[in-house]
Every structure is written in C-alpha cells, then in structure tokens.
Amino acid sequence: MIFLVYPLVLLSSIAVITLGVIGLLIHRNPIRMLLSLEVSFNGVLLLLLYSGWVVGKPVFSSSLALFAIAISSSELALMVSIIMALFREGYMKTLDQNELEVEEEK
C-alpha cells in the first residue's frame, strides 16, 4: 500500500516545479515572479524529501531540505529588499511589457 504513495509524491513534486516554472515564464511582475520561484522551490524541497524517503536516508534529506530552506529564505530577503529599493527610488516601476509600451506611446 505504501508503494502506491511513492509515485504520487514524485508526480506531485514534478507538477509543483512545473507550475512554478510556467508562472515564472508567464508573469512579468517582479512580485509574481518571486512567488513563482517560491512555488518551484517548494517542489524541489518535496523532491528532496521524497528522494531521502525512497533511498532510506530521511535524516540526510531532511538536513539538505533545512539547509535549502535557510539559503532560500536569506536569498529571498535579499531579493525583496533590492526590489523594494529599486521601486522606492523609481528605477523600476513594472516589468509588464504592455504597460511599458503604453507609457512609451505617451
């Protein structure tokens, strides 16, 4: 019965990674792009935990997942602070192509 769960976890992690990458490619808003990156990162974390579960070393995969969470949270805090500074100073207003074309026509 437990062997039926393994493919479902693998397929779920691949689906979450795919949704995150598609969201990253579709959106031009920096906040939405960051959210898409976080969704795909959660899929990678699920894949890390799944690999440790299948191989039989859950402590190793859990420690890798915790290390990846620490790296991701510090990276996300740095990216958000840089983006907020760019918005505040007026260097970046939007990355949406349609809005940029409308502003160029004015």
N, C-alpha and C. Protein backbone atom coordinates (compact mmCIF):
# COMPACT_ATOMS: atom_id res chain seq x y z
N MET A 1 0.82 -1.20 0.00
CA MET A 1 0.00 0.00 0.00
C MET A 1 0.86 1.26 0.00
N ILE A 2 1.98 1.23 0.74
CA ILE A 2 2.82 2.43 0.80
C ILE A 2 3.53 2.67 -0.52
N PHE A 3 3.72 1.60 -1.32
CA PHE A 3 4.39 1.77 -2.60
C PHE A 3 3.51 2.51 -3.60
N LEU A 4 2.23 2.60 -3.35
CA LEU A 4 1.34 3.38 -4.21
C LEU A 4 1.51 4.88 -3.96
N VAL A 5 2.02 5.24 -2.79
CA VAL A 5 2.18 6.65 -2.44
C VAL A 5 3.43 7.24 -3.10
N TYR A 6 4.46 6.44 -3.31
CA TYR A 6 5.72 6.95 -3.87
C TYR A 6 5.54 7.65 -5.21
N PRO A 7 4.87 7.03 -6.18
CA PRO A 7 4.70 7.74 -7.47
C PRO A 7 3.85 8.99 -7.34
N LEU A 8 2.88 9.00 -6.44
CA LEU A 8 2.05 10.19 -6.28
C LEU A 8 2.85 11.37 -5.73
N VAL A 9 3.75 11.10 -4.80
CA VAL A 9 4.59 12.17 -4.26
C VAL A 9 5.55 12.68 -5.33
N LEU A 10 6.12 11.78 -6.11
CA LEU A 10 7.02 12.18 -7.19
C LEU A 10 6.28 13.01 -8.23
N LEU A 11 5.13 12.56 -8.65
CA LEU A 11 4.35 13.32 -9.64
C LEU A 11 3.89 14.66 -9.10
N SER A 12 3.55 14.71 -7.82
CA SER A 12 3.14 15.98 -7.22
C SER A 12 4.30 16.98 -7.19
N SER A 13 5.48 16.51 -6.82
CA SER A 13 6.63 17.43 -6.78
C SER A 13 6.99 17.92 -8.18
N ILE A 14 6.92 17.05 -9.18
CA ILE A 14 7.20 17.47 -10.55
C ILE A 14 6.14 18.46 -11.03
N ALA A 15 4.87 18.24 -10.67
CA ALA A 15 3.80 19.16 -11.06
C ALA A 15 3.99 20.54 -10.42
N VAL A 16 4.39 20.57 -9.15
CA VAL A 16 4.60 21.85 -8.47
C VAL A 16 5.78 22.60 -9.08
N ILE A 17 6.85 21.88 -9.40
CA ILE A 17 8.01 22.52 -10.05
C ILE A 17 7.60 23.08 -11.41
N THR A 18 6.84 22.31 -12.16
CA THR A 18 6.40 22.75 -13.48
C THR A 18 5.51 23.98 -13.39
N LEU A 19 4.58 24.00 -12.44
CA LEU A 19 3.72 25.16 -12.27
C LEU A 19 4.52 26.41 -11.91
N GLY A 20 5.52 26.25 -11.07
CA GLY A 20 6.36 27.38 -10.71
C GLY A 20 7.15 27.92 -11.89
N VAL A 21 7.69 27.04 -12.72
CA VAL A 21 8.45 27.48 -13.88
C VAL A 21 7.54 28.15 -14.91
N ILE A 22 6.35 27.59 -15.11
CA ILE A 22 5.40 28.21 -16.03
C ILE A 22 4.99 29.59 -15.53
N GLY A 23 4.74 29.72 -14.24
CA GLY A 23 4.42 31.02 -13.67
C GLY A 23 5.56 32.01 -13.82
N LEU A 24 6.79 31.54 -13.70
CA LEU A 24 7.95 32.40 -13.86
C LEU A 24 8.07 32.90 -15.30
N LEU A 25 7.75 32.05 -16.26
CA LEU A 25 7.86 32.44 -17.66
C LEU A 25 6.70 33.32 -18.11
N ILE A 26 5.54 33.16 -17.51
CA ILE A 26 4.35 33.91 -17.94
C ILE A 26 4.33 35.32 -17.36
N HIS A 27 4.62 35.47 -16.09
CA HIS A 27 4.44 36.75 -15.42
C HIS A 27 5.64 37.67 -15.61
N ARG A 28 5.36 38.98 -15.65
CA ARG A 28 6.41 39.98 -15.75
C ARG A 28 6.49 40.85 -14.49
N ASN A 29 5.54 40.72 -13.61
CA ASN A 29 5.56 41.45 -12.36
C ASN A 29 6.61 40.81 -11.44
N PRO A 30 7.53 41.60 -10.87
CA PRO A 30 8.59 41.01 -10.05
C PRO A 30 8.08 40.24 -8.84
N ILE A 31 7.00 40.71 -8.22
CA ILE A 31 6.46 40.01 -7.06
C ILE A 31 5.89 38.66 -7.47
N ARG A 32 5.17 38.64 -8.57
CA ARG A 32 4.64 37.35 -9.05
C ARG A 32 5.75 36.41 -9.48
N MET A 33 6.82 36.96 -10.03
CA MET A 33 7.96 36.12 -10.40
C MET A 33 8.60 35.51 -9.16
N LEU A 34 8.72 36.30 -8.10
CA LEU A 34 9.27 35.76 -6.85
C LEU A 34 8.37 34.68 -6.27
N LEU A 35 7.06 34.90 -6.34
CA LEU A 35 6.13 33.88 -5.85
C LEU A 35 6.23 32.60 -6.67
N SER A 36 6.40 32.73 -7.98
CA SER A 36 6.57 31.54 -8.82
C SER A 36 7.86 30.81 -8.49
N LEU A 37 8.92 31.56 -8.20
CA LEU A 37 10.16 30.92 -7.78
C LEU A 37 9.99 30.16 -6.47
N GLU A 38 9.23 30.74 -5.56
CA GLU A 38 9.00 30.07 -4.28
C GLU A 38 8.16 28.80 -4.47
N VAL A 39 7.21 28.83 -5.39
CA VAL A 39 6.41 27.63 -5.65
C VAL A 39 7.30 26.52 -6.22
N SER A 40 8.15 26.87 -7.18
CA SER A 40 9.04 25.84 -7.73
C SER A 40 10.05 25.37 -6.70
N PHE A 41 10.48 26.26 -5.80
CA PHE A 41 11.39 25.85 -4.73
C PHE A 41 10.71 24.85 -3.79
N ASN A 42 9.43 25.05 -3.51
CA ASN A 42 8.71 24.09 -2.67
C ASN A 42 8.61 22.73 -3.35
N GLY A 43 8.49 22.72 -4.66
CA GLY A 43 8.52 21.46 -5.38
C GLY A 43 9.86 20.77 -5.28
N VAL A 44 10.94 21.55 -5.32
CA VAL A 44 12.28 20.98 -5.17
C VAL A 44 12.47 20.42 -3.76
N LEU A 45 11.95 21.14 -2.76
CA LEU A 45 12.03 20.63 -1.39
C LEU A 45 11.28 19.31 -1.24
N LEU A 46 10.10 19.24 -1.84
CA LEU A 46 9.34 17.99 -1.80
C LEU A 46 10.09 16.87 -2.49
N LEU A 47 10.77 17.19 -3.59
CA LEU A 47 11.57 16.19 -4.30
C LEU A 47 12.77 15.74 -3.46
N LEU A 48 13.39 16.67 -2.72
CA LEU A 48 14.49 16.30 -1.82
C LEU A 48 14.02 15.35 -0.73
N LEU A 49 12.90 15.69 -0.12
CA LEU A 49 12.37 14.83 0.93
C LEU A 49 11.93 13.48 0.38
N TYR A 50 11.37 13.48 -0.81
CA TYR A 50 10.97 12.23 -1.45
C TYR A 50 12.18 11.34 -1.72
N SER A 51 13.27 11.94 -2.21
CA SER A 51 14.45 11.13 -2.52
C SER A 51 15.03 10.49 -1.26
N GLY A 52 15.03 11.21 -0.17
CA GLY A 52 15.51 10.62 1.08
C GLY A 52 14.59 9.53 1.59
N TRP A 53 13.31 9.68 1.34
CA TRP A 53 12.32 8.69 1.76
C TRP A 53 12.49 7.40 0.97
N VAL A 54 12.73 7.52 -0.34
CA VAL A 54 12.87 6.34 -1.20
C VAL A 54 14.20 5.64 -0.96
N VAL A 55 15.27 6.42 -0.83
CA VAL A 55 16.60 5.83 -0.64
C VAL A 55 16.73 5.21 0.73
N GLY A 56 16.04 5.77 1.71
CA GLY A 56 16.09 5.21 3.05
C GLY A 56 16.94 6.02 4.01
N LYS A 57 17.29 7.25 3.62
CA LYS A 57 18.08 8.12 4.49
C LYS A 57 17.31 9.42 4.72
N PRO A 58 16.26 9.35 5.52
CA PRO A 58 15.44 10.56 5.72
C PRO A 58 16.15 11.66 6.50
N VAL A 59 17.13 11.29 7.34
CA VAL A 59 17.85 12.32 8.11
C VAL A 59 18.70 13.16 7.17
N PHE A 60 19.36 12.52 6.21
CA PHE A 60 20.19 13.24 5.26
C PHE A 60 19.36 14.17 4.39
N SER A 61 18.24 13.68 3.88
CA SER A 61 17.40 14.53 3.02
C SER A 61 16.75 15.64 3.81
N SER A 62 16.40 15.37 5.07
CA SER A 62 15.82 16.43 5.90
C SER A 62 16.83 17.52 6.20
N SER A 63 18.07 17.13 6.44
CA SER A 63 19.10 18.15 6.68
C SER A 63 19.39 18.95 5.42
N LEU A 64 19.37 18.29 4.25
CA LEU A 64 19.52 19.02 2.99
C LEU A 64 18.36 19.99 2.78
N ALA A 65 17.15 19.55 3.10
CA ALA A 65 15.98 20.41 2.95
C ALA A 65 16.06 21.61 3.88
N LEU A 66 16.49 21.41 5.12
CA LEU A 66 16.63 22.53 6.05
C LEU A 66 17.71 23.50 5.59
N PHE A 67 18.80 22.98 5.06
CA PHE A 67 19.85 23.84 4.52
C PHE A 67 19.33 24.65 3.34
N ALA A 68 18.56 24.00 2.45
CA ALA A 68 17.99 24.71 1.29
C ALA A 68 16.99 25.77 1.73
N ILE A 69 16.22 25.50 2.78
CA ILE A 69 15.27 26.50 3.29
C ILE A 69 16.03 27.70 3.84
N ALA A 70 17.11 27.47 4.55
CA ALA A 70 17.90 28.58 5.09
C ALA A 70 18.51 29.42 3.98
N ILE A 71 19.05 28.79 2.97
CA ILE A 71 19.63 29.52 1.83
C ILE A 71 18.53 30.30 1.10
N SER A 72 17.39 29.67 0.88
CA SER A 72 16.31 30.32 0.14
C SER A 72 15.73 31.51 0.90
N SER A 73 15.56 31.38 2.20
CA SER A 73 14.98 32.49 2.95
C SER A 73 15.92 33.69 2.99
N SER A 74 17.21 33.46 3.11
CA SER A 74 18.15 34.58 3.08
C SER A 74 18.22 35.20 1.69
N GLU A 75 18.16 34.37 0.66
CA GLU A 75 18.18 34.87 -0.71
C GLU A 75 16.92 35.65 -1.02
N LEU A 76 15.79 35.18 -0.54
CA LEU A 76 14.52 35.88 -0.77
C LEU A 76 14.49 37.22 -0.05
N ALA A 77 15.00 37.27 1.16
CA ALA A 77 15.04 38.54 1.90
C ALA A 77 15.93 39.55 1.18
N LEU A 78 17.03 39.10 0.65
CA LEU A 78 17.92 39.99 -0.09
C LEU A 78 17.27 40.49 -1.38
N MET A 79 16.62 39.60 -2.11
CA MET A 79 15.97 40.00 -3.36
C MET A 79 14.82 40.96 -3.11
N VAL A 80 14.02 40.72 -2.11
CA VAL A 80 12.90 41.61 -1.82
C VAL A 80 13.40 42.99 -1.41
N SER A 81 14.47 43.05 -0.61
CA SER A 81 15.00 44.36 -0.20
C SER A 81 15.58 45.12 -1.39
N ILE A 82 16.22 44.42 -2.32
CA ILE A 82 16.76 45.09 -3.51
C ILE A 82 15.62 45.59 -4.39
N ILE A 83 14.60 44.77 -4.59
CA ILE A 83 13.46 45.18 -5.42
C ILE A 83 12.73 46.36 -4.79
N MET A 84 12.54 46.33 -3.49
CA MET A 84 11.87 47.44 -2.82
C MET A 84 12.69 48.73 -2.94
N ALA A 85 14.01 48.63 -2.85
CA ALA A 85 14.85 49.82 -3.02
C ALA A 85 14.75 50.36 -4.45
N LEU A 86 14.70 49.47 -5.43
CA LEU A 86 14.56 49.92 -6.81
C LEU A 86 13.21 50.59 -7.05
N PHE A 87 12.15 50.05 -6.47
CA PHE A 87 10.83 50.67 -6.60
C PHE A 87 10.80 52.02 -5.91
N ARG A 88 11.38 52.12 -4.74
CA ARG A 88 11.35 53.36 -3.96
C ARG A 88 12.09 54.48 -4.68
N GLU A 89 13.21 54.17 -5.30
CA GLU A 89 13.99 55.19 -5.98
C GLU A 89 13.45 55.50 -7.38
N GLY A 90 12.51 54.71 -7.86
CA GLY A 90 11.89 54.98 -9.16
C GLY A 90 12.63 54.37 -10.34
N TYR A 91 13.63 53.53 -10.09
CA TYR A 91 14.34 52.90 -11.19
C TYR A 91 13.51 51.82 -11.87
N MET A 92 12.63 51.20 -11.12
CA MET A 92 11.82 50.12 -11.67
C MET A 92 10.38 50.35 -11.25
N LYS A 93 9.50 50.45 -12.25
CA LYS A 93 8.09 50.62 -11.94
C LYS A 93 7.33 49.34 -12.23
N THR A 94 7.61 48.73 -13.36
CA THR A 94 6.96 47.47 -13.72
C THR A 94 7.80 46.75 -14.76
N LEU A 95 7.59 45.49 -14.88
CA LEU A 95 8.22 44.71 -15.94
C LEU A 95 7.20 44.22 -16.95
N ASP A 96 5.96 44.70 -16.83
CA ASP A 96 4.91 44.28 -17.73
C ASP A 96 5.11 44.95 -19.08
N GLN A 97 5.22 44.18 -20.13
CA GLN A 97 5.52 44.70 -21.46
C GLN A 97 4.41 45.61 -21.97
N ASN A 98 3.14 45.27 -21.72
CA ASN A 98 2.04 46.09 -22.21
C ASN A 98 2.04 47.47 -21.54
N GLU A 99 2.29 47.53 -20.25
CA GLU A 99 2.32 48.81 -19.55
C GLU A 99 3.51 49.65 -20.01
N LEU A 100 4.64 49.01 -20.31
CA LEU A 100 5.79 49.76 -20.81
C LEU A 100 5.52 50.36 -22.18
N GLU A 101 4.83 49.62 -23.07
CA GLU A 101 4.50 50.13 -24.38
C GLU A 101 3.52 51.29 -24.30
N VAL A 102 2.56 51.23 -23.39
CA VAL A 102 1.59 52.32 -23.21
C VAL A 102 2.30 53.57 -22.72
N GLU A 103 3.26 53.44 -21.81
CA GLU A 103 4.00 54.60 -21.29
C GLU A 103 4.91 55.19 -22.35
N GLU A 104 5.46 54.37 -23.25
CA GLU A 104 6.31 54.88 -24.32
C GLU A 104 5.50 55.68 -25.33
N GLU A 105 4.25 55.28 -25.56
CA GLU A 105 3.41 55.99 -26.53
C GLU A 105 3.02 57.37 -26.03
N LYS A 106 2.96 57.55 -24.71
CA LYS A 106 2.59 58.86 -24.14
C LYS A 106 3.72 59.79 -24.33
